[in-house]
Amino acid sequence: MRSKSLQFAEGFRLAPSTPRGQVAEMTLRRGASTGGPDNSHPRSDQWLYVVAGNGEATVDGRNRKLDPGTLLLIEKGESHEIRNTGTTNLQTLTFYAPPAY
């Protein structure tokens, strides 16, 4: 068994992982974004869970509002961008299966 206390400091950090799955925490400051049309994970499905803040995801050209409690599935190969559209930090947990990084 392994555990880690998540800090949600600005940026993207991997948490403990296994050969079957991976977790990362990400914090985007107000107005920041990550990803874009060239960002995809060709072999991994990605579940993004919004812990705090507000934002918007664009997945294969479709927009989805992100609020606390939102769980978004980005399937392998789908291009995606995550943007903080709120007034506070956007904090997310991301699960990859199999690991993407």
PDB file of N, CA and C in Angstrom:
ATOM      1  N   MET A   1       0.848  -1.167   0.000  1.00  0.00           N
ATOM      2  CA  MET A   1       0.000   0.000   0.000  1.00  0.00           C
ATOM      3  C   MET A   1       0.899   1.238   0.000  1.00  0.00           C
ATOM      4  N   ARG A   2       0.470   2.256  -0.780  1.00  0.00           N
ATOM      5  CA  ARG A   2       1.165   3.536  -0.809  1.00  0.00           C
ATOM      6  C   ARG A   2       0.145   4.647  -0.646  1.00  0.00           C
ATOM      7  N   SER A   3       0.575   5.774  -0.110  1.00  0.00           N
ATOM      8  CA  SER A   3      -0.320   6.923  -0.008  1.00  0.00           C
ATOM      9  C   SER A   3       0.483   8.195  -0.196  1.00  0.00           C
ATOM     10  N   LYS A   4      -0.232   9.273  -0.498  1.00  0.00           N
ATOM     11  CA  LYS A   4       0.409  10.569  -0.688  1.00  0.00           C
ATOM     12  C   LYS A   4      -0.598  11.651  -0.320  1.00  0.00           C
ATOM     13  N   SER A   5      -0.151  12.661   0.384  1.00  0.00           N
ATOM     14  CA  SER A   5      -0.993  13.819   0.659  1.00  0.00           C
ATOM     15  C   SER A   5      -0.885  14.761  -0.531  1.00  0.00           C
ATOM     16  N   LEU A   6      -2.012  15.122  -1.093  1.00  0.00           N
ATOM     17  CA  LEU A   6      -2.024  16.012  -2.250  1.00  0.00           C
ATOM     18  C   LEU A   6      -1.999  17.453  -1.784  1.00  0.00           C
ATOM     19  N   GLN A   7      -1.202  18.280  -2.452  1.00  0.00           N
ATOM     20  CA  GLN A   7      -1.025  19.670  -2.051  1.00  0.00           C
ATOM     21  C   GLN A   7      -1.750  20.645  -2.978  1.00  0.00           C
ATOM     22  N   PHE A   8      -1.985  20.270  -4.210  1.00  0.00           N
ATOM     23  CA  PHE A   8      -2.613  21.126  -5.212  1.00  0.00           C
ATOM     24  C   PHE A   8      -1.892  22.462  -5.358  1.00  0.00           C
ATOM     25  N   ALA A   9      -0.558  22.410  -5.343  1.00  0.00           N
ATOM     26  CA  ALA A   9       0.232  23.586  -5.688  1.00  0.00           C
ATOM     27  C   ALA A   9       0.126  23.757  -7.204  1.00  0.00           C
ATOM     28  N   GLU A  10       0.442  24.935  -7.704  1.00  0.00           N
ATOM     29  CA  GLU A  10       0.294  25.208  -9.132  1.00  0.00           C
ATOM     30  C   GLU A  10       1.108  24.226  -9.967  1.00  0.00           C
ATOM     31  N   GLY A  11       0.523  23.754 -11.059  1.00  0.00           N
ATOM     32  CA  GLY A  11       1.212  22.858 -11.971  1.00  0.00           C
ATOM     33  C   GLY A  11       0.613  21.465 -11.987  1.00  0.00           C
ATOM     34  N   PHE A  12       1.378  20.522 -12.563  1.00  0.00           N
ATOM     35  CA  PHE A  12       0.963  19.139 -12.790  1.00  0.00           C
ATOM     36  C   PHE A  12       1.969  18.225 -12.109  1.00  0.00           C
ATOM     37  N   ARG A  13       1.492  17.338 -11.242  1.00  0.00           N
ATOM     38  CA  ARG A  13       2.367  16.406 -10.540  1.00  0.00           C
ATOM     39  C   ARG A  13       1.758  15.014 -10.505  1.00  0.00           C
ATOM     40  N   LEU A  14       2.594  14.027 -10.780  1.00  0.00           N
ATOM     41  CA  LEU A  14       2.146  12.639 -10.711  1.00  0.00           C
ATOM     42  C   LEU A  14       2.128  12.163  -9.269  1.00  0.00           C
ATOM     43  N   ALA A  15       1.144  11.354  -8.945  1.00  0.00           N
ATOM     44  CA  ALA A  15       1.043  10.688  -7.651  1.00  0.00           C
ATOM     45  C   ALA A  15       1.510   9.245  -7.852  1.00  0.00           C
ATOM     46  N   PRO A  16       1.533   8.428  -6.807  1.00  0.00           N
ATOM     47  CA  PRO A  16       1.942   7.029  -6.986  1.00  0.00           C
ATOM     48  C   PRO A  16       1.124   6.337  -8.084  1.00  0.00           C
ATOM     49  N   SER A  17       1.788   5.459  -8.820  1.00  0.00           N
ATOM     50  CA  SER A  17       1.114   4.756  -9.911  1.00  0.00           C
ATOM     51  C   SER A  17       1.537   3.301  -9.927  1.00  0.00           C
ATOM     52  N   THR A  18       0.845   2.549 -10.765  1.00  0.00           N
ATOM     53  CA  THR A  18       1.179   1.143 -10.979  1.00  0.00           C
ATOM     54  C   THR A  18       1.309   0.939 -12.486  1.00  0.00           C
ATOM     55  N   PRO A  19       1.711  -0.245 -12.929  1.00  0.00           N
ATOM     56  CA  PRO A  19       1.757  -0.496 -14.368  1.00  0.00           C
ATOM     57  C   PRO A  19       0.365  -0.444 -15.029  1.00  0.00           C
ATOM     58  N   ARG A  20      -0.695  -0.489 -14.232  1.00  0.00           N
ATOM     59  CA  ARG A  20      -2.061  -0.507 -14.779  1.00  0.00           C
ATOM     60  C   ARG A  20      -2.759   0.843 -14.753  1.00  0.00           C
ATOM     61  N   GLY A  21      -2.326   1.763 -13.897  1.00  0.00           N
ATOM     62  CA  GLY A  21      -3.012   3.041 -13.769  1.00  0.00           C
ATOM     63  C   GLY A  21      -2.145   4.103 -13.138  1.00  0.00           C
ATOM     64  N   GLN A  22      -2.556   5.342 -13.327  1.00  0.00           N
ATOM     65  CA  GLN A  22      -1.765   6.473 -12.875  1.00  0.00           C
ATOM     66  C   GLN A  22      -2.692   7.600 -12.440  1.00  0.00           C
ATOM     67  N   VAL A  23      -2.255   8.379 -11.459  1.00  0.00           N
ATOM     68  CA  VAL A  23      -3.014   9.519 -10.963  1.00  0.00           C
ATOM     69  C   VAL A  23      -2.112  10.749 -10.984  1.00  0.00           C
ATOM     70  N   ALA A  24      -2.711  11.896 -11.289  1.00  0.00           N
ATOM     71  CA  ALA A  24      -1.976  13.164 -11.242  1.00  0.00           C
ATOM     72  C   ALA A  24      -2.873  14.233 -10.654  1.00  0.00           C
ATOM     73  N   GLU A  25      -2.260  15.186  -9.975  1.00  0.00           N
ATOM     74  CA  GLU A  25      -2.985  16.360  -9.498  1.00  0.00           C
ATOM     75  C   GLU A  25      -2.547  17.541 -10.352  1.00  0.00           C
ATOM     76  N   MET A  26      -3.484  18.438 -10.636  1.00  0.00           N
ATOM     77  CA  MET A  26      -3.162  19.599 -11.459  1.00  0.00           C
ATOM     78  C   MET A  26      -3.886  20.817 -10.908  1.00  0.00           C
ATOM     79  N   THR A  27      -3.166  21.924 -10.859  1.00  0.00           N
ATOM     80  CA  THR A  27      -3.753  23.204 -10.486  1.00  0.00           C
ATOM     81  C   THR A  27      -3.404  24.218 -11.559  1.00  0.00           C
ATOM     82  N   LEU A  28      -4.446  24.814 -12.138  1.00  0.00           N
ATOM     83  CA  LEU A  28      -4.267  25.887 -13.117  1.00  0.00           C
ATOM     84  C   LEU A  28      -4.694  27.199 -12.481  1.00  0.00           C
ATOM     85  N   ARG A  29      -3.838  28.196 -12.555  1.00  0.00           N
ATOM     86  CA  ARG A  29      -4.188  29.513 -12.025  1.00  0.00           C
ATOM     87  C   ARG A  29      -5.238  30.169 -12.923  1.00  0.00           C
ATOM     88  N   ARG A  30      -5.849  31.195 -12.427  1.00  0.00           N
ATOM     89  CA  ARG A  30      -6.883  31.942 -13.160  1.00  0.00           C
ATOM     90  C   ARG A  30      -6.370  32.333 -14.550  1.00  0.00           C
ATOM     91  N   GLY A  31      -7.130  31.996 -15.584  1.00  0.00           N
ATOM     92  CA  GLY A  31      -6.783  32.332 -16.957  1.00  0.00           C
ATOM     93  C   GLY A  31      -5.840  31.372 -17.646  1.00  0.00           C
ATOM     94  N   ALA A  32      -5.282  30.403 -16.939  1.00  0.00           N
ATOM     95  CA  ALA A  32      -4.316  29.466 -17.519  1.00  0.00           C
ATOM     96  C   ALA A  32      -5.020  28.327 -18.247  1.00  0.00           C
ATOM     97  N   SER A  33      -4.267  27.676 -19.136  1.00  0.00           N
ATOM     98  CA  SER A  33      -4.797  26.511 -19.853  1.00  0.00           C
ATOM     99  C   SER A  33      -3.675  25.523 -20.095  1.00  0.00           C
ATOM    100  N   THR A  34      -4.063  24.306 -20.439  1.00  0.00           N
ATOM    101  CA  THR A  34      -3.103  23.261 -20.770  1.00  0.00           C
ATOM    102  C   THR A  34      -3.693  22.393 -21.870  1.00  0.00           C
ATOM    103  N   GLY A  35      -2.833  21.866 -22.713  1.00  0.00           N
ATOM    104  CA  GLY A  35      -3.295  21.019 -23.803  1.00  0.00           C
ATOM    105  C   GLY A  35      -3.560  21.822 -25.056  1.00  0.00           C
ATOM    106  N   GLY A  36      -4.430  21.293 -25.914  1.00  0.00           N
ATOM    107  CA  GLY A  36      -4.765  21.936 -27.176  1.00  0.00           C
ATOM    108  C   GLY A  36      -5.023  20.895 -28.245  1.00  0.00           C
ATOM    109  N   PRO A  37      -5.156  21.337 -29.491  1.00  0.00           N
ATOM    110  CA  PRO A  37      -5.505  20.416 -30.580  1.00  0.00           C
ATOM    111  C   PRO A  37      -4.504  19.282 -30.785  1.00  0.00           C
ATOM    112  N   ASP A  38      -3.254  19.488 -30.391  1.00  0.00           N
ATOM    113  CA  ASP A  38      -2.228  18.458 -30.569  1.00  0.00           C
ATOM    114  C   ASP A  38      -2.025  17.600 -29.329  1.00  0.00           C
ATOM    115  N   ASN A  39      -2.824  17.822 -28.274  1.00  0.00           N
ATOM    116  CA  ASN A  39      -2.668  17.090 -27.024  1.00  0.00           C
ATOM    117  C   ASN A  39      -3.647  15.927 -26.966  1.00  0.00           C
ATOM    118  N   SER A  40      -3.103  14.723 -26.944  1.00  0.00           N
ATOM    119  CA  SER A  40      -3.933  13.522 -26.772  1.00  0.00           C
ATOM    120  C   SER A  40      -3.061  12.430 -26.167  1.00  0.00           C
ATOM    121  N   HIS A  41      -3.712  11.399 -25.688  1.00  0.00           N
ATOM    122  CA  HIS A  41      -3.004  10.241 -25.128  1.00  0.00           C
ATOM    123  C   HIS A  41      -3.427   9.035 -25.964  1.00  0.00           C
ATOM    124  N   PRO A  42      -2.586   8.614 -26.894  1.00  0.00           N
ATOM    125  CA  PRO A  42      -2.985   7.584 -27.861  1.00  0.00           C
ATOM    126  C   PRO A  42      -3.280   6.210 -27.284  1.00  0.00           C
ATOM    127  N   ARG A  43      -2.770   5.928 -26.078  1.00  0.00           N
ATOM    128  CA  ARG A  43      -2.969   4.599 -25.503  1.00  0.00           C
ATOM    129  C   ARG A  43      -3.707   4.616 -24.174  1.00  0.00           C
ATOM    130  N   SER A  44      -4.095   5.804 -23.678  1.00  0.00           N
ATOM    131  CA  SER A  44      -4.680   5.883 -22.337  1.00  0.00           C
ATOM    132  C   SER A  44      -6.005   6.625 -22.317  1.00  0.00           C
ATOM    133  N   ASP A  45      -6.974   6.066 -21.605  1.00  0.00           N
ATOM    134  CA  ASP A  45      -8.185   6.811 -21.265  1.00  0.00           C
ATOM    135  C   ASP A  45      -7.843   7.706 -20.081  1.00  0.00           C
ATOM    136  N   GLN A  46      -8.519   8.852 -20.005  1.00  0.00           N
ATOM    137  CA  GLN A  46      -8.238   9.828 -18.954  1.00  0.00           C
ATOM    138  C   GLN A  46      -9.548  10.267 -18.312  1.00  0.00           C
ATOM    139  N   TRP A  47      -9.618  10.160 -16.990  1.00  0.00           N
ATOM    140  CA  TRP A  47     -10.763  10.678 -16.237  1.00  0.00           C
ATOM    141  C   TRP A  47     -10.280  11.897 -15.478  1.00  0.00           C
ATOM    142  N   LEU A  48     -10.919  13.045 -15.688  1.00  0.00           N
ATOM    143  CA  LEU A  48     -10.556  14.280 -15.011  1.00  0.00           C
ATOM    144  C   LEU A  48     -11.675  14.634 -14.045  1.00  0.00           C
ATOM    145  N   TYR A  49     -11.327  14.753 -12.764  1.00  0.00           N
ATOM    146  CA  TYR A  49     -12.298  15.086 -11.723  1.00  0.00           C
ATOM    147  C   TYR A  49     -11.976  16.472 -11.177  1.00  0.00           C
ATOM    148  N   VAL A  50     -12.971  17.361 -11.168  1.00  0.00           N
ATOM    149  CA  VAL A  50     -12.772  18.726 -10.682  1.00  0.00           C
ATOM    150  C   VAL A  50     -12.986  18.763  -9.170  1.00  0.00           C
ATOM    151  N   VAL A  51     -11.924  19.098  -8.455  1.00  0.00           N
ATOM    152  CA  VAL A  51     -11.957  19.200  -6.999  1.00  0.00           C
ATOM    153  C   VAL A  51     -12.456  20.583  -6.587  1.00  0.00           C
ATOM    154  N   ALA A  52     -11.935  21.638  -7.229  1.00  0.00           N
ATOM    155  CA  ALA A  52     -12.306  23.011  -6.883  1.00  0.00           C
ATOM    156  C   ALA A  52     -12.096  23.911  -8.087  1.00  0.00           C
ATOM    157  N   GLY A  53     -12.835  25.011  -8.128  1.00  0.00           N
ATOM    158  CA  GLY A  53     -12.692  25.991  -9.197  1.00  0.00           C
ATOM    159  C   GLY A  53     -13.639  25.701 -10.355  1.00  0.00           C
ATOM    160  N   ASN A  54     -13.514  26.523 -11.387  1.00  0.00           N
ATOM    161  CA  ASN A  54     -14.375  26.407 -12.567  1.00  0.00           C
ATOM    162  C   ASN A  54     -13.529  26.526 -13.823  1.00  0.00           C
ATOM    163  N   GLY A  55     -13.968  25.841 -14.852  1.00  0.00           N
ATOM    164  CA  GLY A  55     -13.227  25.888 -16.098  1.00  0.00           C
ATOM    165  C   GLY A  55     -14.046  25.377 -17.253  1.00  0.00           C
ATOM    166  N   GLU A  56     -13.332  25.088 -18.329  1.00  0.00           N
ATOM    167  CA  GLU A  56     -13.959  24.556 -19.530  1.00  0.00           C
ATOM    168  C   GLU A  56     -12.986  23.588 -20.181  1.00  0.00           C
ATOM    169  N   ALA A  57     -13.525  22.498 -20.685  1.00  0.00           N
ATOM    170  CA  ALA A  57     -12.739  21.520 -21.436  1.00  0.00           C
ATOM    171  C   ALA A  57     -13.213  21.539 -22.879  1.00  0.00           C
ATOM    172  N   THR A  58     -12.270  21.437 -23.800  1.00  0.00           N
ATOM    173  CA  THR A  58     -12.586  21.214 -25.205  1.00  0.00           C
ATOM    174  C   THR A  58     -12.016  19.856 -25.566  1.00  0.00           C
ATOM    175  N   VAL A  59     -12.891  18.925 -25.924  1.00  0.00           N
ATOM    176  CA  VAL A  59     -12.494  17.556 -26.261  1.00  0.00           C
ATOM    177  C   VAL A  59     -12.983  17.270 -27.668  1.00  0.00           C
ATOM    178  N   ASP A  60     -12.027  17.045 -28.582  1.00  0.00           N
ATOM    179  CA  ASP A  60     -12.353  16.818 -29.993  1.00  0.00           C
ATOM    180  C   ASP A  60     -13.335  17.870 -30.521  1.00  0.00           C
ATOM    181  N   GLY A  61     -13.083  19.135 -30.167  1.00  0.00           N
ATOM    182  CA  GLY A  61     -13.892  20.246 -30.671  1.00  0.00           C
ATOM    183  C   GLY A  61     -15.190  20.505 -29.925  1.00  0.00           C
ATOM    184  N   ARG A  62     -15.515  19.690 -28.932  1.00  0.00           N
ATOM    185  CA  ARG A  62     -16.749  19.883 -28.148  1.00  0.00           C
ATOM    186  C   ARG A  62     -16.402  20.486 -26.797  1.00  0.00           C
ATOM    187  N   ASN A  63     -17.170  21.497 -26.372  1.00  0.00           N
ATOM    188  CA  ASN A  63     -16.916  22.175 -25.102  1.00  0.00           C
ATOM    189  C   ASN A  63     -17.765  21.592 -23.992  1.00  0.00           C
ATOM    190  N   ARG A  64     -17.182  21.573 -22.792  1.00  0.00           N
ATOM    191  CA  ARG A  64     -17.882  21.084 -21.598  1.00  0.00           C
ATOM    192  C   ARG A  64     -17.484  21.960 -20.432  1.00  0.00           C
ATOM    193  N   LYS A  65     -18.465  22.512 -19.729  1.00  0.00           N
ATOM    194  CA  LYS A  65     -18.215  23.318 -18.546  1.00  0.00           C
ATOM    195  C   LYS A  65     -17.699  22.413 -17.426  1.00  0.00           C
ATOM    196  N   LEU A  66     -16.751  22.914 -16.660  1.00  0.00           N
ATOM    197  CA  LEU A  66     -16.172  22.166 -15.544  1.00  0.00           C
ATOM    198  C   LEU A  66     -16.472  22.898 -14.241  1.00  0.00           C
ATOM    199  N   ASP A  67     -17.169  22.240 -13.345  1.00  0.00           N
ATOM    200  CA  ASP A  67     -17.495  22.762 -12.022  1.00  0.00           C
ATOM    201  C   ASP A  67     -17.064  21.731 -10.989  1.00  0.00           C
ATOM    202  N   PRO A  68     -16.935  22.123  -9.710  1.00  0.00           N
ATOM    203  CA  PRO A  68     -16.581  21.140  -8.686  1.00  0.00           C
ATOM    204  C   PRO A  68     -17.533  19.933  -8.722  1.00  0.00           C
ATOM    205  N   GLY A  69     -16.947  18.752  -8.689  1.00  0.00           N
ATOM    206  CA  GLY A  69     -17.733  17.523  -8.744  1.00  0.00           C
ATOM    207  C   GLY A  69     -17.889  16.946 -10.139  1.00  0.00           C
ATOM    208  N   THR A  70     -17.489  17.691 -11.169  1.00  0.00           N
ATOM    209  CA  THR A  70     -17.574  17.184 -12.547  1.00  0.00           C
ATOM    210  C   THR A  70     -16.545  16.079 -12.759  1.00  0.00           C
ATOM    211  N   LEU A  71     -16.977  14.986 -13.373  1.00  0.00           N
ATOM    212  CA  LEU A  71     -16.081  13.912 -13.791  1.00  0.00           C
ATOM    213  C   LEU A  71     -16.178  13.821 -15.302  1.00  0.00           C
ATOM    214  N   LEU A  72     -15.065  14.042 -15.979  1.00  0.00           N
ATOM    215  CA  LEU A  72     -15.023  14.068 -17.440  1.00  0.00           C
ATOM    216  C   LEU A  72     -14.165  12.913 -17.936  1.00  0.00           C
ATOM    217  N   LEU A  73     -14.707  12.103 -18.840  1.00  0.00           N
ATOM    218  CA  LEU A  73     -13.940  11.018 -19.455  1.00  0.00           C
ATOM    219  C   LEU A  73     -13.429  11.489 -20.807  1.00  0.00           C
ATOM    220  N   ILE A  74     -12.123  11.467 -20.973  1.00  0.00           N
ATOM    221  CA  ILE A  74     -11.474  11.765 -22.249  1.00  0.00           C
ATOM    222  C   ILE A  74     -10.904  10.443 -22.738  1.00  0.00           C
ATOM    223  N   GLU A  75     -11.486   9.912 -23.802  1.00  0.00           N
ATOM    224  CA  GLU A  75     -11.065   8.595 -24.268  1.00  0.00           C
ATOM    225  C   GLU A  75      -9.757   8.665 -25.043  1.00  0.00           C
ATOM    226  N   LYS A  76      -9.043   7.531 -25.063  1.00  0.00           N
ATOM    227  CA  LYS A  76      -7.739   7.502 -25.722  1.00  0.00           C
ATOM    228  C   LYS A  76      -7.850   8.067 -27.143  1.00  0.00           C
ATOM    229  N   GLY A  77      -6.868   8.901 -27.480  1.00  0.00           N
ATOM    230  CA  GLY A  77      -6.806   9.489 -28.807  1.00  0.00           C
ATOM    231  C   GLY A  77      -7.587  10.789 -28.975  1.00  0.00           C
ATOM    232  N   GLU A  78      -8.456  11.148 -28.036  1.00  0.00           N
ATOM    233  CA  GLU A  78      -9.217  12.392 -28.179  1.00  0.00           C
ATOM    234  C   GLU A  78      -8.327  13.593 -27.821  1.00  0.00           C
ATOM    235  N   SER A  79      -8.299  14.593 -28.699  1.00  0.00           N
ATOM    236  CA  SER A  79      -7.541  15.800 -28.400  1.00  0.00           C
ATOM    237  C   SER A  79      -8.285  16.593 -27.330  1.00  0.00           C
ATOM    238  N   HIS A  80      -7.529  17.288 -26.476  1.00  0.00           N
ATOM    239  CA  HIS A  80      -8.197  18.003 -25.394  1.00  0.00           C
ATOM    240  C   HIS A  80      -7.376  19.172 -24.864  1.00  0.00           C
ATOM    241  N   GLU A  81      -8.120  20.164 -24.374  1.00  0.00           N
ATOM    242  CA  GLU A  81      -7.551  21.339 -23.719  1.00  0.00           C
ATOM    243  C   GLU A  81      -8.399  21.633 -22.493  1.00  0.00           C
ATOM    244  N   ILE A  82      -7.755  21.996 -21.396  1.00  0.00           N
ATOM    245  CA  ILE A  82      -8.437  22.359 -20.156  1.00  0.00           C
ATOM    246  C   ILE A  82      -8.086  23.814 -19.858  1.00  0.00           C
ATOM    247  N   ARG A  83      -9.107  24.645 -19.588  1.00  0.00           N
ATOM    248  CA  ARG A  83      -8.902  26.058 -19.302  1.00  0.00           C
ATOM    249  C   ARG A  83      -9.556  26.438 -17.983  1.00  0.00           C
ATOM    250  N   ASN A  84      -8.888  27.289 -17.226  1.00  0.00           N
ATOM    251  CA  ASN A  84      -9.471  27.852 -16.018  1.00  0.00           C
ATOM    252  C   ASN A  84     -10.215  29.118 -16.438  1.00  0.00           C
ATOM    253  N   THR A  85     -11.521  29.088 -16.329  1.00  0.00           N
ATOM    254  CA  THR A  85     -12.350  30.243 -16.683  1.00  0.00           C
ATOM    255  C   THR A  85     -12.920  30.923 -15.446  1.00  0.00           C
ATOM    256  N   GLY A  86     -12.534  30.456 -14.272  1.00  0.00           N
ATOM    257  CA  GLY A  86     -13.065  30.993 -13.025  1.00  0.00           C
ATOM    258  C   GLY A  86     -12.200  32.091 -12.442  1.00  0.00           C
ATOM    259  N   THR A  87     -12.508  32.455 -11.218  1.00  0.00           N
ATOM    260  CA  THR A  87     -11.799  33.531 -10.526  1.00  0.00           C
ATOM    261  C   THR A  87     -10.816  33.004  -9.491  1.00  0.00           C
ATOM    262  N   THR A  88     -10.783  31.683  -9.291  1.00  0.00           N
ATOM    263  CA  THR A  88      -9.850  31.051  -8.356  1.00  0.00           C
ATOM    264  C   THR A  88      -9.115  29.934  -9.091  1.00  0.00           C
ATOM    265  N   ASN A  89      -8.176  29.287  -8.415  1.00  0.00           N
ATOM    266  CA  ASN A  89      -7.456  28.167  -9.028  1.00  0.00           C
ATOM    267  C   ASN A  89      -8.416  27.037  -9.394  1.00  0.00           C
ATOM    268  N   LEU A  90      -8.136  26.377 -10.513  1.00  0.00           N
ATOM    269  CA  LEU A  90      -8.860  25.169 -10.922  1.00  0.00           C
ATOM    270  C   LEU A  90      -8.011  23.982 -10.472  1.00  0.00           C
ATOM    271  N   GLN A  91      -8.562  23.138  -9.598  1.00  0.00           N
ATOM    272  CA  GLN A  91      -7.846  21.991  -9.060  1.00  0.00           C
ATOM    273  C   GLN A  91      -8.511  20.710  -9.552  1.00  0.00           C
ATOM    274  N   THR A  92      -7.710  19.820 -10.147  1.00  0.00           N
ATOM    275  CA  THR A  92      -8.254  18.578 -10.684  1.00  0.00           C
ATOM    276  C   THR A  92      -7.395  17.387 -10.278  1.00  0.00           C
ATOM    277  N   LEU A  93      -8.043  16.229 -10.261  1.00  0.00           N
ATOM    278  CA  LEU A  93      -7.370  14.932 -10.160  1.00  0.00           C
ATOM    279  C   LEU A  93      -7.598  14.244 -11.490  1.00  0.00           C
ATOM    280  N   THR A  94      -6.560  13.661 -12.023  1.00  0.00           N
ATOM    281  CA  THR A  94      -6.667  12.963 -13.307  1.00  0.00           C
ATOM    282  C   THR A  94      -6.197  11.525 -13.135  1.00  0.00           C
ATOM    283  N   PHE A  95      -6.992  10.601 -13.648  1.00  0.00           N
ATOM    284  CA  PHE A  95      -6.678   9.177 -13.601  1.00  0.00           C
ATOM    285  C   PHE A  95      -6.444   8.693 -15.025  1.00  0.00           C
ATOM    286  N   TYR A  96      -5.346   7.990 -15.261  1.00  0.00           N
ATOM    287  CA  TYR A  96      -5.005   7.453 -16.582  1.00  0.00           C
ATOM    288  C   TYR A  96      -4.960   5.927 -16.500  1.00  0.00           C
ATOM    289  N   ALA A  97      -5.535   5.275 -17.503  1.00  0.00           N
ATOM    290  CA  ALA A  97      -5.442   3.816 -17.584  1.00  0.00           C
ATOM    291  C   ALA A  97      -5.290   3.416 -19.047  1.00  0.00           C
ATOM    292  N   PRO A  98      -4.200   2.737 -19.386  1.00  0.00           N
ATOM    293  CA  PRO A  98      -2.979   2.539 -18.597  1.00  0.00           C
ATOM    294  C   PRO A  98      -2.241   3.871 -18.436  1.00  0.00           C
ATOM    295  N   PRO A  99      -1.135   3.900 -17.685  1.00  0.00           N
ATOM    296  CA  PRO A  99      -0.405   5.145 -17.470  1.00  0.00           C
ATOM    297  C   PRO A  99      -0.051   5.852 -18.788  1.00  0.00           C
ATOM    298  N   ALA A 100      -0.138   7.179 -18.761  1.00  0.00           N
ATOM    299  CA  ALA A 100       0.170   7.994 -19.936  1.00  0.00           C
ATOM    300  C   ALA A 100       1.571   8.599 -19.853  1.00  0.00           C
ATOM    301  N   TYR A 101       2.122   8.675 -18.642  1.00  0.00           N
ATOM    302  CA  TYR A 101       3.422   9.324 -18.439  1.00  0.00           C
ATOM    303  C   TYR A 101       4.383   8.391 -17.744  1.00  0.00           C
TER     304      TYR A 101
END
